[in-house]
Amino acid sequence: MRRRALAVIAALSLAGAGAAAASHVPIVEPASVPVGFFAAHNHVPDVPGKPLRRISRARGGIDVFLQHVRLAAGTATAWHTHSGPAVVTVASGSLTYEDACLRRTYPAGTGFVDEGFGHVHRAVAGPDGADFYVTYLLPHGTPNQLIPTDPPSSCRHGDHDD
């Protein structure tokens, strides 16, 4: 009976550890990434204040995710949202950001801030593809930087307010 109880506890522990590991995104080994700036002086003309103020007040602080994304020409990400704002810098090619209200293309050397907090959008690479970096500012304990969702059904006025 005691062996059976230990086996059950061991199995539950392994299952819990597997679930915990699966809820976190994999990271690149820092030693494999070259040292230096990946983007510099990228211009972000419209910075929405509301989501940045909201994440700055997150209880328990924030988690930062930094991601390099490469999309082939014409490739679109799935429709998605984030738990907090994401700062995007386009390093090469071009990237079109779209939601129900907006479709704006950003060339290399520019960027934008996605407001997150349920704002549904996607990105589409231009004719030369796109390499871009995303810095996600998410509430502490967020298991993933991306939440897949259905496309937005209609434009809600005020979605892009500060």
N, C-alpha and C. Protein backbone atom coordinates (compact mmCIF):
# COMPACT_ATOMS: atom_id res chain seq x y z
N MET A 1 0.82 -1.19 0.00
CA MET A 1 0.00 0.00 0.00
C MET A 1 0.87 1.26 0.00
N ARG A 2 1.94 1.23 0.81
CA ARG A 2 2.82 2.38 0.88
C ARG A 2 3.53 2.62 -0.45
N ARG A 3 3.95 1.51 -1.11
CA ARG A 3 4.59 1.64 -2.43
C ARG A 3 3.64 2.27 -3.44
N ARG A 4 2.38 1.84 -3.40
CA ARG A 4 1.39 2.38 -4.33
C ARG A 4 1.22 3.89 -4.10
N ALA A 5 1.15 4.31 -2.85
CA ALA A 5 1.01 5.72 -2.52
C ALA A 5 2.21 6.51 -3.00
N LEU A 6 3.41 5.97 -2.80
CA LEU A 6 4.62 6.64 -3.28
C LEU A 6 4.64 6.74 -4.80
N ALA A 7 4.18 5.67 -5.47
CA ALA A 7 4.13 5.68 -6.94
C ALA A 7 3.16 6.75 -7.44
N VAL A 8 2.01 6.88 -6.79
CA VAL A 8 1.03 7.88 -7.17
C VAL A 8 1.59 9.28 -6.96
N ILE A 9 2.24 9.49 -5.82
CA ILE A 9 2.84 10.80 -5.53
C ILE A 9 3.92 11.12 -6.55
N ALA A 10 4.75 10.14 -6.88
CA ALA A 10 5.81 10.36 -7.87
C ALA A 10 5.22 10.70 -9.23
N ALA A 11 4.17 9.98 -9.63
CA ALA A 11 3.54 10.23 -10.93
C ALA A 11 2.92 11.63 -10.97
N LEU A 12 2.26 12.02 -9.90
CA LEU A 12 1.66 13.36 -9.84
C LEU A 12 2.72 14.44 -9.86
N SER A 13 3.83 14.21 -9.17
CA SER A 13 4.94 15.18 -9.17
C SER A 13 5.51 15.36 -10.56
N LEU A 14 5.72 14.25 -11.27
CA LEU A 14 6.26 14.34 -12.63
C LEU A 14 5.27 15.04 -13.56
N ALA A 15 3.99 14.73 -13.42
CA ALA A 15 2.99 15.39 -14.25
C ALA A 15 2.96 16.89 -13.97
N GLY A 16 3.04 17.27 -12.70
CA GLY A 16 3.06 18.69 -12.34
C GLY A 16 4.29 19.39 -12.88
N ALA A 17 5.44 18.72 -12.78
CA ALA A 17 6.68 19.31 -13.31
C ALA A 17 6.58 19.47 -14.82
N GLY A 18 5.99 18.49 -15.50
CA GLY A 18 5.83 18.57 -16.95
C GLY A 18 4.92 19.72 -17.34
N ALA A 19 3.83 19.90 -16.61
CA ALA A 19 2.92 21.00 -16.89
C ALA A 19 3.58 22.34 -16.64
N ALA A 20 4.37 22.44 -15.57
CA ALA A 20 5.07 23.69 -15.27
C ALA A 20 6.08 24.01 -16.36
N ALA A 21 6.83 23.00 -16.82
CA ALA A 21 7.81 23.23 -17.88
C ALA A 21 7.13 23.62 -19.18
N ALA A 22 5.97 23.00 -19.48
CA ALA A 22 5.27 23.29 -20.73
C ALA A 22 4.67 24.69 -20.75
N SER A 23 4.43 25.29 -19.57
CA SER A 23 3.80 26.60 -19.53
C SER A 23 4.79 27.73 -19.76
N HIS A 24 6.06 27.45 -19.80
CA HIS A 24 7.07 28.48 -20.04
C HIS A 24 7.65 28.32 -21.43
N VAL A 25 7.95 29.44 -22.05
CA VAL A 25 8.52 29.40 -23.39
C VAL A 25 10.01 29.06 -23.30
N PRO A 26 10.54 28.36 -24.29
CA PRO A 26 11.97 28.04 -24.27
C PRO A 26 12.81 29.30 -24.52
N ILE A 27 14.00 29.34 -23.97
CA ILE A 27 14.88 30.48 -24.22
C ILE A 27 16.11 30.04 -25.00
N VAL A 28 16.70 30.96 -25.70
CA VAL A 28 17.94 30.72 -26.44
C VAL A 28 19.09 30.84 -25.45
N GLU A 29 20.06 29.97 -25.57
CA GLU A 29 21.24 30.03 -24.72
C GLU A 29 21.96 31.36 -24.95
N PRO A 30 22.11 32.19 -23.90
CA PRO A 30 22.72 33.51 -24.09
C PRO A 30 24.09 33.48 -24.76
N ALA A 31 24.90 32.46 -24.50
CA ALA A 31 26.23 32.40 -25.10
C ALA A 31 26.17 32.22 -26.61
N SER A 32 25.03 31.76 -27.14
CA SER A 32 24.92 31.54 -28.59
C SER A 32 24.47 32.80 -29.34
N VAL A 33 24.13 33.85 -28.62
CA VAL A 33 23.66 35.08 -29.24
C VAL A 33 24.80 36.08 -29.28
N PRO A 34 25.06 36.69 -30.45
CA PRO A 34 26.15 37.67 -30.51
C PRO A 34 25.87 38.88 -29.62
N VAL A 35 26.93 39.48 -29.13
CA VAL A 35 26.83 40.67 -28.29
C VAL A 35 26.67 41.89 -29.19
N GLY A 36 25.86 42.83 -28.78
CA GLY A 36 25.69 44.06 -29.55
C GLY A 36 24.23 44.43 -29.64
N PHE A 37 23.97 45.54 -30.30
CA PHE A 37 22.60 46.00 -30.49
C PHE A 37 21.98 45.25 -31.66
N PHE A 38 20.75 44.83 -31.50
CA PHE A 38 20.03 44.17 -32.59
C PHE A 38 19.20 45.18 -33.37
N ALA A 39 18.90 46.27 -32.75
CA ALA A 39 18.22 47.39 -33.39
C ALA A 39 18.60 48.62 -32.58
N ALA A 40 18.81 49.74 -33.25
CA ALA A 40 19.16 50.97 -32.55
C ALA A 40 18.54 52.15 -33.27
N HIS A 41 18.06 53.09 -32.53
CA HIS A 41 17.45 54.30 -33.07
C HIS A 41 16.23 54.00 -33.94
N ASN A 42 15.57 52.86 -33.73
CA ASN A 42 14.32 52.60 -34.43
C ASN A 42 13.28 53.58 -33.91
N HIS A 43 12.62 54.26 -34.83
CA HIS A 43 11.67 55.30 -34.45
C HIS A 43 10.29 54.70 -34.21
N VAL A 44 9.73 54.95 -33.03
CA VAL A 44 8.38 54.54 -32.66
C VAL A 44 7.59 55.82 -32.44
N PRO A 45 6.83 56.26 -33.46
CA PRO A 45 6.18 57.57 -33.37
C PRO A 45 4.99 57.66 -32.43
N ASP A 46 4.21 56.60 -32.32
CA ASP A 46 2.99 56.65 -31.52
C ASP A 46 3.10 55.67 -30.35
N VAL A 47 3.32 56.20 -29.18
CA VAL A 47 3.45 55.35 -27.99
C VAL A 47 2.19 55.55 -27.14
N PRO A 48 1.35 54.51 -27.05
CA PRO A 48 0.13 54.65 -26.26
C PRO A 48 0.43 54.66 -24.77
N GLY A 49 0.00 55.71 -24.09
CA GLY A 49 0.29 55.84 -22.67
C GLY A 49 -0.51 54.93 -21.77
N LYS A 50 -1.76 54.67 -22.14
CA LYS A 50 -2.66 53.89 -21.28
C LYS A 50 -2.13 52.48 -20.95
N PRO A 51 -1.71 51.68 -21.94
CA PRO A 51 -1.22 50.35 -21.58
C PRO A 51 0.10 50.38 -20.81
N LEU A 52 0.94 51.38 -21.09
CA LEU A 52 2.21 51.47 -20.36
C LEU A 52 1.97 51.87 -18.90
N ARG A 53 1.01 52.79 -18.69
CA ARG A 53 0.65 53.13 -17.31
C ARG A 53 0.05 51.93 -16.60
N ARG A 54 -0.79 51.18 -17.31
CA ARG A 54 -1.44 50.02 -16.70
C ARG A 54 -0.43 48.96 -16.29
N ILE A 55 0.55 48.64 -17.15
CA ILE A 55 1.53 47.61 -16.81
C ILE A 55 2.47 48.11 -15.72
N SER A 56 2.71 49.41 -15.66
CA SER A 56 3.60 49.94 -14.61
C SER A 56 2.99 49.78 -13.22
N ARG A 57 1.68 49.60 -13.16
CA ARG A 57 1.01 49.41 -11.87
C ARG A 57 0.70 47.95 -11.57
N ALA A 58 1.23 47.02 -12.35
CA ALA A 58 0.95 45.60 -12.15
C ALA A 58 1.43 45.15 -10.78
N ARG A 59 0.56 44.49 -10.04
CA ARG A 59 0.93 43.98 -8.72
C ARG A 59 1.99 42.89 -8.87
N GLY A 60 3.01 42.95 -8.06
CA GLY A 60 4.06 41.94 -8.12
C GLY A 60 5.09 42.19 -9.20
N GLY A 61 5.02 43.34 -9.88
CA GLY A 61 6.00 43.65 -10.92
C GLY A 61 5.62 43.04 -12.26
N ILE A 62 6.58 42.99 -13.15
CA ILE A 62 6.33 42.49 -14.50
C ILE A 62 7.35 41.41 -14.87
N ASP A 63 7.00 40.64 -15.88
CA ASP A 63 7.92 39.71 -16.52
C ASP A 63 8.22 40.28 -17.90
N VAL A 64 9.49 40.23 -18.31
CA VAL A 64 9.90 40.73 -19.61
C VAL A 64 10.27 39.54 -20.48
N PHE A 65 9.70 39.49 -21.67
CA PHE A 65 10.04 38.49 -22.67
C PHE A 65 10.67 39.26 -23.82
N LEU A 66 11.78 38.78 -24.35
CA LEU A 66 12.44 39.40 -25.50
C LEU A 66 12.53 38.35 -26.59
N GLN A 67 11.99 38.64 -27.76
CA GLN A 67 11.92 37.63 -28.82
C GLN A 67 12.37 38.20 -30.15
N HIS A 68 13.13 37.39 -30.90
CA HIS A 68 13.48 37.69 -32.29
C HIS A 68 12.54 36.86 -33.15
N VAL A 69 11.85 37.52 -34.07
CA VAL A 69 10.92 36.83 -34.96
C VAL A 69 11.38 37.05 -36.40
N ARG A 70 11.34 35.98 -37.19
CA ARG A 70 11.67 36.07 -38.61
C ARG A 70 10.50 35.48 -39.38
N LEU A 71 9.94 36.27 -40.29
CA LEU A 71 8.84 35.80 -41.13
C LEU A 71 9.27 35.88 -42.59
N ALA A 72 8.95 34.84 -43.35
CA ALA A 72 9.20 34.84 -44.79
C ALA A 72 8.24 35.81 -45.46
N ALA A 73 8.57 36.19 -46.68
CA ALA A 73 7.75 37.15 -47.45
C ALA A 73 6.28 36.75 -47.44
N GLY A 74 5.42 37.71 -47.09
CA GLY A 74 3.99 37.50 -47.12
C GLY A 74 3.41 36.65 -46.01
N THR A 75 4.23 36.16 -45.12
CA THR A 75 3.75 35.30 -44.03
C THR A 75 3.08 36.13 -42.95
N ALA A 76 1.95 35.64 -42.47
CA ALA A 76 1.21 36.33 -41.41
C ALA A 76 1.28 35.50 -40.13
N THR A 77 1.35 36.20 -39.01
CA THR A 77 1.21 35.51 -37.73
C THR A 77 -0.27 35.16 -37.57
N ALA A 78 -0.57 34.28 -36.66
CA ALA A 78 -1.96 34.01 -36.32
C ALA A 78 -2.53 35.22 -35.59
N TRP A 79 -3.84 35.37 -35.60
CA TRP A 79 -4.47 36.42 -34.80
C TRP A 79 -4.21 36.08 -33.35
N HIS A 80 -3.86 37.10 -32.57
CA HIS A 80 -3.48 36.85 -31.18
C HIS A 80 -3.59 38.12 -30.35
N THR A 81 -3.34 37.98 -29.06
CA THR A 81 -3.25 39.10 -28.16
C THR A 81 -2.13 38.80 -27.16
N HIS A 82 -1.88 39.76 -26.27
CA HIS A 82 -0.87 39.59 -25.22
C HIS A 82 -1.46 40.05 -23.90
N SER A 83 -0.86 39.61 -22.82
CA SER A 83 -1.33 39.99 -21.48
C SER A 83 -0.90 41.39 -21.07
N GLY A 84 -0.08 42.03 -21.88
CA GLY A 84 0.40 43.38 -21.62
C GLY A 84 0.98 43.95 -22.90
N PRO A 85 1.53 45.16 -22.86
CA PRO A 85 2.04 45.79 -24.07
C PRO A 85 3.29 45.11 -24.62
N ALA A 86 3.49 45.29 -25.93
CA ALA A 86 4.66 44.74 -26.61
C ALA A 86 5.27 45.84 -27.48
N VAL A 87 6.57 46.06 -27.32
CA VAL A 87 7.29 47.05 -28.12
C VAL A 87 7.97 46.29 -29.26
N VAL A 88 7.66 46.67 -30.50
CA VAL A 88 8.16 45.97 -31.68
C VAL A 88 9.11 46.88 -32.44
N THR A 89 10.29 46.35 -32.79
CA THR A 89 11.23 47.09 -33.63
C THR A 89 11.54 46.24 -34.86
N VAL A 90 11.36 46.83 -36.02
CA VAL A 90 11.59 46.13 -37.29
C VAL A 90 13.05 46.32 -37.67
N ALA A 91 13.80 45.22 -37.74
CA ALA A 91 15.23 45.29 -38.04
C ALA A 91 15.51 45.19 -39.54
N SER A 92 14.73 44.38 -40.27
CA SER A 92 14.91 44.28 -41.72
C SER A 92 13.59 43.91 -42.37
N GLY A 93 13.49 44.24 -43.66
CA GLY A 93 12.24 44.00 -44.38
C GLY A 93 11.19 44.99 -43.94
N SER A 94 9.95 44.55 -43.94
CA SER A 94 8.85 45.40 -43.48
C SER A 94 7.79 44.52 -42.84
N LEU A 95 6.98 45.15 -42.01
CA LEU A 95 5.97 44.42 -41.25
C LEU A 95 4.69 45.23 -41.24
N THR A 96 3.59 44.61 -41.60
CA THR A 96 2.29 45.27 -41.55
C THR A 96 1.56 44.79 -40.31
N TYR A 97 1.17 45.75 -39.48
CA TYR A 97 0.41 45.48 -38.26
C TYR A 97 -1.05 45.71 -38.60
N GLU A 98 -1.91 44.74 -38.25
CA GLU A 98 -3.32 44.95 -38.54
C GLU A 98 -4.20 44.44 -37.42
N ASP A 99 -5.28 45.19 -37.22
CA ASP A 99 -6.34 44.78 -36.31
C ASP A 99 -7.65 45.14 -37.02
N ALA A 100 -8.76 45.15 -36.34
CA ALA A 100 -10.04 45.44 -36.98
C ALA A 100 -10.13 46.89 -37.45
N CYS A 101 -9.36 47.79 -36.84
CA CYS A 101 -9.46 49.22 -37.15
C CYS A 101 -8.31 49.75 -37.99
N LEU A 102 -7.21 49.05 -38.05
CA LEU A 102 -5.97 49.63 -38.55
C LEU A 102 -5.18 48.63 -39.38
N ARG A 103 -4.51 49.15 -40.40
CA ARG A 103 -3.55 48.36 -41.17
C ARG A 103 -2.42 49.33 -41.51
N ARG A 104 -1.27 49.16 -40.84
CA ARG A 104 -0.16 50.10 -41.02
C ARG A 104 1.13 49.31 -41.25
N THR A 105 1.92 49.74 -42.25
CA THR A 105 3.17 49.06 -42.57
C THR A 105 4.34 49.83 -41.99
N TYR A 106 5.26 49.07 -41.38
CA TYR A 106 6.45 49.63 -40.76
C TYR A 106 7.68 49.08 -41.47
N PRO A 107 8.50 49.96 -42.08
CA PRO A 107 9.75 49.52 -42.71
C PRO A 107 10.85 49.33 -41.67
N ALA A 108 11.95 48.75 -42.09
CA ALA A 108 13.11 48.59 -41.20
C ALA A 108 13.49 49.95 -40.63
N GLY A 109 13.88 49.94 -39.36
CA GLY A 109 14.27 51.18 -38.71
C GLY A 109 13.13 51.88 -37.99
N THR A 110 11.96 51.26 -38.02
CA THR A 110 10.81 51.84 -37.32
C THR A 110 10.21 50.77 -36.40
N GLY A 111 9.18 51.15 -35.70
CA GLY A 111 8.52 50.20 -34.82
C GLY A 111 7.22 50.75 -34.29
N PHE A 112 6.63 50.01 -33.38
CA PHE A 112 5.34 50.39 -32.81
C PHE A 112 5.16 49.71 -31.47
N VAL A 113 4.15 50.13 -30.74
CA VAL A 113 3.80 49.50 -29.48
C VAL A 113 2.41 48.91 -29.63
N ASP A 114 2.32 47.60 -29.42
CA ASP A 114 0.99 46.98 -29.37
C ASP A 114 0.50 47.10 -27.94
N GLU A 115 -0.74 47.54 -27.77
CA GLU A 115 -1.24 47.82 -26.43
C GLU A 115 -1.50 46.59 -25.58
N GLY A 116 -1.67 45.41 -26.17
CA GLY A 116 -1.91 44.20 -25.38
C GLY A 116 -3.21 44.25 -24.61
N PHE A 117 -3.25 43.54 -23.48
CA PHE A 117 -4.43 43.50 -22.61
C PHE A 117 -5.69 43.15 -23.39
N GLY A 118 -5.60 42.14 -24.26
CA GLY A 118 -6.76 41.67 -24.99
C GLY A 118 -6.94 42.27 -26.37
N HIS A 119 -6.09 43.21 -26.76
CA HIS A 119 -6.18 43.82 -28.09
C HIS A 119 -5.77 42.81 -29.15
N VAL A 120 -6.69 42.42 -30.02
CA VAL A 120 -6.47 41.37 -31.02
C VAL A 120 -5.85 41.97 -32.28
N HIS A 121 -4.80 41.31 -32.77
CA HIS A 121 -4.08 41.80 -33.94
C HIS A 121 -3.28 40.66 -34.57
N ARG A 122 -2.62 40.98 -35.68
CA ARG A 122 -1.65 40.08 -36.29
C ARG A 122 -0.63 40.92 -37.04
N ALA A 123 0.44 40.28 -37.50
CA ALA A 123 1.48 40.95 -38.27
C ALA A 123 1.70 40.18 -39.56
N VAL A 124 1.97 40.90 -40.64
CA VAL A 124 2.19 40.28 -41.95
C VAL A 124 3.52 40.81 -42.50
N ALA A 125 4.41 39.89 -42.88
CA ALA A 125 5.70 40.29 -43.44
C ALA A 125 5.53 40.85 -44.84
N GLY A 126 6.36 41.81 -45.17
CA GLY A 126 6.34 42.43 -46.49
C GLY A 126 6.95 41.55 -47.55
N PRO A 127 7.15 42.08 -48.76
CA PRO A 127 7.65 41.28 -49.89
C PRO A 127 9.07 40.75 -49.71
N ASP A 128 9.84 41.36 -48.81
CA ASP A 128 11.20 40.88 -48.52
C ASP A 128 11.27 40.15 -47.19
N GLY A 129 10.12 39.80 -46.64
CA GLY A 129 10.10 39.17 -45.32
C GLY A 129 10.28 40.21 -44.24
N ALA A 130 10.49 39.74 -43.02
CA ALA A 130 10.69 40.66 -41.89
C ALA A 130 11.46 39.97 -40.78
N ASP A 131 12.40 40.69 -40.24
CA ASP A 131 13.07 40.33 -38.99
C ASP A 131 12.72 41.42 -38.01
N PHE A 132 12.18 41.04 -36.86
CA PHE A 132 11.82 42.05 -35.88
C PHE A 132 12.02 41.52 -34.47
N TYR A 133 12.16 42.45 -33.54
CA TYR A 133 12.35 42.12 -32.14
C TYR A 133 11.15 42.63 -31.36
N VAL A 134 10.70 41.82 -30.44
CA VAL A 134 9.55 42.19 -29.62
C VAL A 134 9.95 42.12 -28.16
N THR A 135 9.71 43.18 -27.42
CA THR A 135 9.89 43.20 -25.98
C THR A 135 8.51 43.26 -25.36
N TYR A 136 8.13 42.16 -24.70
CA TYR A 136 6.83 42.06 -24.06
C TYR A 136 6.97 42.48 -22.59
N LEU A 137 6.07 43.32 -22.12
CA LEU A 137 6.02 43.74 -20.72
C LEU A 137 4.71 43.17 -20.16
N LEU A 138 4.83 42.07 -19.42
CA LEU A 138 3.64 41.32 -19.02
C LEU A 138 3.53 41.22 -17.51
N PRO A 139 2.31 41.07 -16.99
CA PRO A 139 2.16 40.91 -15.54
C PRO A 139 2.98 39.71 -15.04
N HIS A 140 3.58 39.86 -13.87
CA HIS A 140 4.40 38.79 -13.29
C HIS A 140 3.62 37.49 -13.21
N GLY A 141 4.26 36.40 -13.61
CA GLY A 141 3.63 35.09 -13.58
C GLY A 141 2.95 34.70 -14.87
N THR A 142 3.00 35.57 -15.89
CA THR A 142 2.40 35.24 -17.17
C THR A 142 3.15 34.05 -17.78
N PRO A 143 2.44 32.95 -18.10
CA PRO A 143 3.14 31.76 -18.58
C PRO A 143 3.61 31.85 -20.03
N ASN A 144 2.99 32.71 -20.83
CA ASN A 144 3.33 32.77 -22.25
C ASN A 144 3.12 34.21 -22.74
N GLN A 145 3.87 34.60 -23.75
CA GLN A 145 3.78 35.96 -24.26
C GLN A 145 2.67 36.13 -25.28
N LEU A 146 2.11 35.04 -25.80
CA LEU A 146 1.16 35.12 -26.89
C LEU A 146 -0.08 34.30 -26.58
N ILE A 147 -1.25 34.88 -26.83
CA ILE A 147 -2.52 34.19 -26.60
C ILE A 147 -3.26 34.12 -27.93
N PRO A 148 -3.32 32.93 -28.57
CA PRO A 148 -4.04 32.81 -29.84
C PRO A 148 -5.53 33.12 -29.65
N THR A 149 -6.14 33.72 -30.66
CA THR A 149 -7.55 34.07 -30.58
C THR A 149 -8.13 34.16 -31.98
N ASP A 150 -9.43 34.34 -32.05
CA ASP A 150 -10.10 34.52 -33.33
C ASP A 150 -9.85 35.94 -33.85
N PRO A 151 -10.00 36.15 -35.16
CA PRO A 151 -9.86 37.51 -35.70
C PRO A 151 -10.89 38.43 -35.06
N PRO A 152 -10.58 39.72 -34.96
CA PRO A 152 -11.55 40.66 -34.40
C PRO A 152 -12.76 40.76 -35.35
N SER A 153 -13.94 40.91 -34.76
CA SER A 153 -15.14 40.94 -35.59
C SER A 153 -15.45 42.34 -36.14
N SER A 154 -15.13 43.35 -35.37
CA SER A 154 -15.40 44.71 -35.86
C SER A 154 -14.54 45.71 -35.11
N CYS A 155 -14.44 46.89 -35.69
CA CYS A 155 -13.66 47.96 -35.08
C CYS A 155 -14.45 48.58 -33.95
N ARG A 156 -13.81 48.70 -32.79
CA ARG A 156 -14.42 49.43 -31.66
C ARG A 156 -13.70 50.75 -31.56
N HIS A 157 -14.42 51.83 -31.68
CA HIS A 157 -13.80 53.15 -31.56
C HIS A 157 -13.20 53.29 -30.16
N GLY A 158 -12.03 53.87 -30.11
CA GLY A 158 -11.36 54.04 -28.82
C GLY A 158 -10.31 52.98 -28.57
N ASP A 159 -10.19 51.97 -29.46
CA ASP A 159 -9.19 50.92 -29.28
C ASP A 159 -7.78 51.47 -29.25
N HIS A 160 -7.53 52.60 -29.88
CA HIS A 160 -6.17 53.13 -29.98
C HIS A 160 -5.98 54.40 -29.16
N ASP A 161 -6.86 54.66 -28.22
CA ASP A 161 -6.71 55.85 -27.39
C ASP A 161 -5.56 55.71 -26.42
N ASP A 162 -4.99 56.84 -26.03
CA ASP A 162 -3.96 56.85 -25.00
C ASP A 162 -4.65 56.70 -23.68
